[in-house]
Amino acid sequence: MQDTFVSKLAEPIISWVQAFPELNIISEIVCNINTSAYSNESTVFWLHINDEQPDWLASTINKIIKESPSVKVVVLTNLPSHTQCFSALEAGAVGYVHAYSSPDVLREVKQVITHGGIWLGAELLQKLIETTTKLTSNKSIYVNNLLSQLTLREKDVAIEVAKGLSNKEVARTLNITERTVKAHLAAVFDRLGAKDRLQLALMLNKG
């Protein structure tokens, strides 16, 4: 899957290049992007914005998705905000992340969205989980059945992630490495069929 970064910066941020050495860069005005050239390709469009709420964001995301349905859009922002995040998601973006995230995070974002999930920053995800789980819940027998499909350590990781904790926070809580958390979480997603952290949180939320 090709990575195309759209940014007005003179040079791409180093973490972008480190994450995706073969990335494409588009520096033209965002609203003039010719996305039809990507209509037959599997591409991730990483839209970099450095305004609090650019008026072109929603229309550009809609344009890209309409012209190239196979394309996935991730918004890179210098100033993350709840309003901007939900505006981007409502327009059709599948990811929202800080523009200066580490290469590991960017690669993880791509992995999640490639498998059909949605990526939000840790703080926004935690708030969304808190809000959403108050509105919906599952019977204990359903949740217990899901957890019974996991190993003991996978269960520990799943429960902490479902609380909205980041990988680093889970690692600290369980006294294991972040690499181990990632490995267990990948197994949890695979076993339970969860596409992302939010879906996992909803699956494991008891009434």
Protein backbone atom coordinates (compact mmCIF):
# COMPACT_ATOMS: atom_id res chain seq x y z
CA MET A 1 0.00 0.00 0.00
CA GLN A 2 1.54 3.29 -1.17
CA ASP A 3 1.94 6.20 1.26
CA THR A 4 1.32 9.69 -0.13
CA PHE A 5 1.92 12.63 2.18
CA VAL A 6 0.27 15.97 1.44
CA SER A 7 2.01 18.85 3.17
CA LYS A 8 3.00 22.47 2.60
CA LEU A 9 6.31 21.88 4.39
CA ALA A 10 9.45 22.43 2.32
CA GLU A 11 10.81 19.10 3.57
CA PRO A 12 8.93 16.10 5.03
CA ILE A 13 9.19 15.52 8.75
CA ILE A 14 12.00 13.03 9.38
CA SER A 15 9.76 10.54 11.19
CA TRP A 16 7.60 10.25 8.05
CA VAL A 17 10.60 9.24 5.98
CA GLN A 18 11.85 6.88 8.67
CA ALA A 19 8.45 5.18 8.81
CA PHE A 20 7.95 4.98 5.05
CA PRO A 21 11.21 5.42 3.10
CA GLU A 22 9.40 5.09 -0.25
CA LEU A 23 6.70 7.67 0.47
CA ASN A 24 5.41 10.16 -2.10
CA ILE A 25 5.17 13.85 -1.25
CA ILE A 26 2.58 16.24 -2.66
CA SER A 27 3.14 19.92 -1.85
CA GLU A 28 0.50 21.53 -4.04
CA ILE A 29 -2.59 23.27 -2.66
CA VAL A 30 -4.63 20.59 -0.95
CA CYS A 31 -7.93 21.31 -2.72
CA ASN A 32 -6.20 20.83 -6.09
CA ILE A 33 -4.99 17.28 -5.45
CA ASN A 34 -5.64 15.04 -8.44
CA THR A 35 -6.73 11.87 -6.67
CA SER A 36 -8.14 10.22 -9.79
CA ALA A 37 -4.62 8.98 -10.52
CA TYR A 38 -4.90 6.77 -7.42
CA SER A 39 -8.34 5.34 -8.17
CA ASN A 40 -6.95 1.89 -8.97
CA GLU A 41 -4.31 1.79 -6.28
CA SER A 42 -4.23 0.97 -2.59
CA THR A 43 -3.01 4.24 -1.15
CA VAL A 44 -2.92 5.96 2.21
CA PHE A 45 -3.26 9.74 1.93
CA TRP A 46 -1.64 11.39 4.95
CA LEU A 47 -3.07 14.93 5.05
CA HIS A 48 -0.86 17.27 7.08
CA ILE A 49 -2.57 20.32 8.56
CA ASN A 50 -1.17 22.95 10.87
CA ASP A 51 -4.25 25.12 11.33
CA GLU A 52 -6.67 24.74 14.19
CA GLN A 53 -9.64 24.13 11.86
CA PRO A 54 -8.91 24.56 8.15
CA ASP A 55 -12.06 25.11 6.13
CA TRP A 56 -10.86 22.74 3.41
CA LEU A 57 -10.45 19.66 5.61
CA ALA A 58 -13.88 18.01 5.30
CA SER A 59 -14.34 18.89 1.63
CA THR A 60 -10.88 17.56 0.74
CA ILE A 61 -11.43 14.27 2.55
CA ASN A 62 -14.81 13.90 0.82
CA LYS A 63 -13.23 14.67 -2.55
CA ILE A 64 -10.48 12.10 -2.13
CA ILE A 65 -12.84 9.34 -1.04
CA LYS A 66 -15.40 10.11 -3.76
CA GLU A 67 -12.79 10.09 -6.53
CA SER A 68 -10.77 7.17 -5.16
CA PRO A 69 -12.87 4.81 -2.98
CA SER A 70 -9.91 2.49 -2.38
CA VAL A 71 -7.88 5.28 -0.77
CA LYS A 72 -7.65 5.59 3.02
CA VAL A 73 -7.22 9.05 4.56
CA VAL A 74 -5.27 9.82 7.72
CA VAL A 75 -5.08 13.35 9.10
CA LEU A 76 -1.74 14.50 10.52
CA THR A 77 -2.10 17.52 12.77
CA ASN A 78 0.24 19.79 14.70
CA LEU A 79 -2.56 20.77 17.08
CA PRO A 80 -4.84 17.82 17.93
CA SER A 81 -8.36 18.71 19.05
CA HIS A 82 -11.58 16.81 19.67
CA THR A 83 -13.57 19.00 17.28
CA GLN A 84 -11.10 18.61 14.44
CA CYS A 85 -10.79 14.87 15.03
CA PHE A 86 -14.50 14.16 14.87
CA SER A 87 -14.90 16.48 11.89
CA ALA A 88 -12.24 14.48 10.05
CA LEU A 89 -13.83 11.14 10.97
CA GLU A 90 -17.29 12.34 10.00
CA ALA A 91 -15.91 13.36 6.60
CA GLY A 92 -14.53 9.86 6.09
CA ALA A 93 -10.98 9.83 7.48
CA VAL A 94 -9.93 6.58 9.18
CA GLY A 95 -7.06 8.01 11.18
CA TYR A 96 -6.15 11.11 13.18
CA VAL A 97 -2.66 11.41 14.63
CA HIS A 98 -0.08 13.98 15.73
CA ALA A 99 2.10 15.04 12.81
CA TYR A 100 5.28 14.52 14.84
CA SER A 101 4.48 10.98 16.00
CA SER A 102 7.33 8.48 16.01
CA PRO A 103 7.94 6.16 13.05
CA ASP A 104 6.69 3.20 15.12
CA VAL A 105 3.39 4.94 15.79
CA LEU A 106 2.93 5.88 12.13
CA ARG A 107 3.56 2.29 11.07
CA GLU A 108 1.10 1.08 13.70
CA VAL A 109 -1.50 3.54 12.41
CA LYS A 110 -1.10 2.10 8.93
CA GLN A 111 -1.38 -1.46 10.21
CA VAL A 112 -4.62 -0.69 12.05
CA ILE A 113 -6.33 1.12 9.18
CA THR A 114 -5.16 -1.46 6.64
CA HIS A 115 -7.08 -4.07 8.63
CA GLY A 116 -10.22 -1.94 8.61
CA GLY A 117 -9.77 -0.20 11.96
CA ILE A 118 -9.80 3.45 12.98
CA TRP A 119 -6.89 5.23 14.66
CA LEU A 120 -7.21 8.07 17.17
CA GLY A 121 -4.65 9.59 19.49
CA ALA A 122 -4.45 8.02 22.95
CA GLU A 123 -6.17 10.90 24.77
CA LEU A 124 -9.01 11.19 22.27
CA LEU A 125 -9.45 7.42 22.14
CA GLN A 126 -9.68 7.21 25.92
CA LYS A 127 -12.36 9.91 26.06
CA LEU A 128 -14.29 8.28 23.24
CA ILE A 129 -14.13 4.91 24.99
CA GLU A 130 -15.35 6.47 28.25
CA THR A 131 -18.25 8.17 26.49
CA THR A 132 -19.24 5.27 24.26
CA THR A 133 -19.09 2.55 26.89
CA LYS A 134 -21.55 4.52 29.02
CA LEU A 135 -24.08 4.20 26.21
CA THR A 136 -23.68 0.51 25.44
CA SER A 137 -22.84 -2.63 27.36
CA ASN A 138 -22.75 -6.42 26.96
CA LYS A 139 -23.90 -9.25 29.18
CA SER A 140 -21.21 -10.66 31.44
CA ILE A 141 -21.53 -14.12 29.90
CA TYR A 142 -20.71 -12.65 26.46
CA VAL A 143 -17.64 -10.80 27.71
CA ASN A 144 -16.45 -13.79 29.73
CA ASN A 145 -16.79 -15.99 26.65
CA LEU A 146 -14.59 -13.60 24.68
CA LEU A 147 -11.97 -13.47 27.42
CA SER A 148 -11.95 -17.29 27.68
CA GLN A 149 -10.55 -17.38 24.13
CA LEU A 150 -7.40 -15.57 25.26
CA THR A 151 -4.33 -16.67 27.14
CA LEU A 152 -3.87 -15.23 30.62
CA ARG A 153 -1.44 -12.54 29.44
CA GLU A 154 -3.52 -11.68 26.38
CA LYS A 155 -6.50 -11.28 28.69
CA ASP A 156 -4.53 -8.91 30.95
CA VAL A 157 -3.49 -6.80 27.97
CA ALA A 158 -6.98 -6.77 26.45
CA ILE A 159 -8.59 -5.59 29.68
CA GLU A 160 -6.12 -2.71 30.10
CA VAL A 161 -6.37 -1.64 26.45
CA ALA A 162 -10.17 -1.70 26.74
CA LYS A 163 -9.83 0.92 29.49
CA GLY A 164 -8.26 3.25 26.94
CA LEU A 165 -4.65 2.84 28.05
CA SER A 166 -1.83 3.30 25.53
CA ASN A 167 0.69 0.53 24.87
CA LYS A 168 3.22 2.34 27.04
CA GLU A 169 0.74 2.60 29.93
CA VAL A 170 -0.22 -1.07 29.60
CA ALA A 171 3.44 -2.06 29.61
CA ARG A 172 4.02 -0.05 32.76
CA THR A 173 0.91 -1.45 34.47
CA LEU A 174 1.71 -5.08 33.68
CA ASN A 175 5.48 -4.69 34.04
CA ILE A 176 6.22 -5.94 30.52
CA THR A 177 7.78 -4.33 27.46
CA GLU A 178 5.86 -2.35 24.83
CA ARG A 179 6.98 -4.90 22.24
CA THR A 180 5.31 -7.63 24.29
CA VAL A 181 2.14 -5.55 24.60
CA LYS A 182 2.02 -5.09 20.82
CA ALA A 183 2.48 -8.82 20.24
CA HIS A 184 -0.28 -9.75 22.69
CA LEU A 185 -2.60 -7.07 21.35
CA ALA A 186 -2.13 -8.29 17.78
CA ALA A 187 -3.07 -11.79 18.96
CA VAL A 188 -6.13 -10.41 20.80
CA PHE A 189 -7.36 -8.58 17.70
CA ASP A 190 -6.88 -11.73 15.65
CA ARG A 191 -8.61 -14.09 18.09
CA LEU A 192 -11.58 -11.80 18.81
CA GLY A 193 -11.92 -10.27 15.36
CA ALA A 194 -11.56 -6.72 16.68
CA LYS A 195 -10.42 -4.15 14.12
CA ASP A 196 -9.16 -1.53 16.55
CA ARG A 197 -8.93 -0.49 20.20
CA LEU A 198 -12.34 1.16 20.26
CA GLN A 199 -14.08 -1.95 18.95
CA LEU A 200 -12.21 -4.05 21.51
CA ALA A 201 -13.35 -1.71 24.28
CA LEU A 202 -16.99 -2.00 23.16
CA MET A 203 -16.72 -5.80 22.93
CA LEU A 204 -15.38 -6.10 26.47
CA ASN A 205 -17.64 -3.53 28.10
CA LYS A 206 -19.92 -5.16 30.68
CA GLY A 207 -23.23 -3.79 31.85
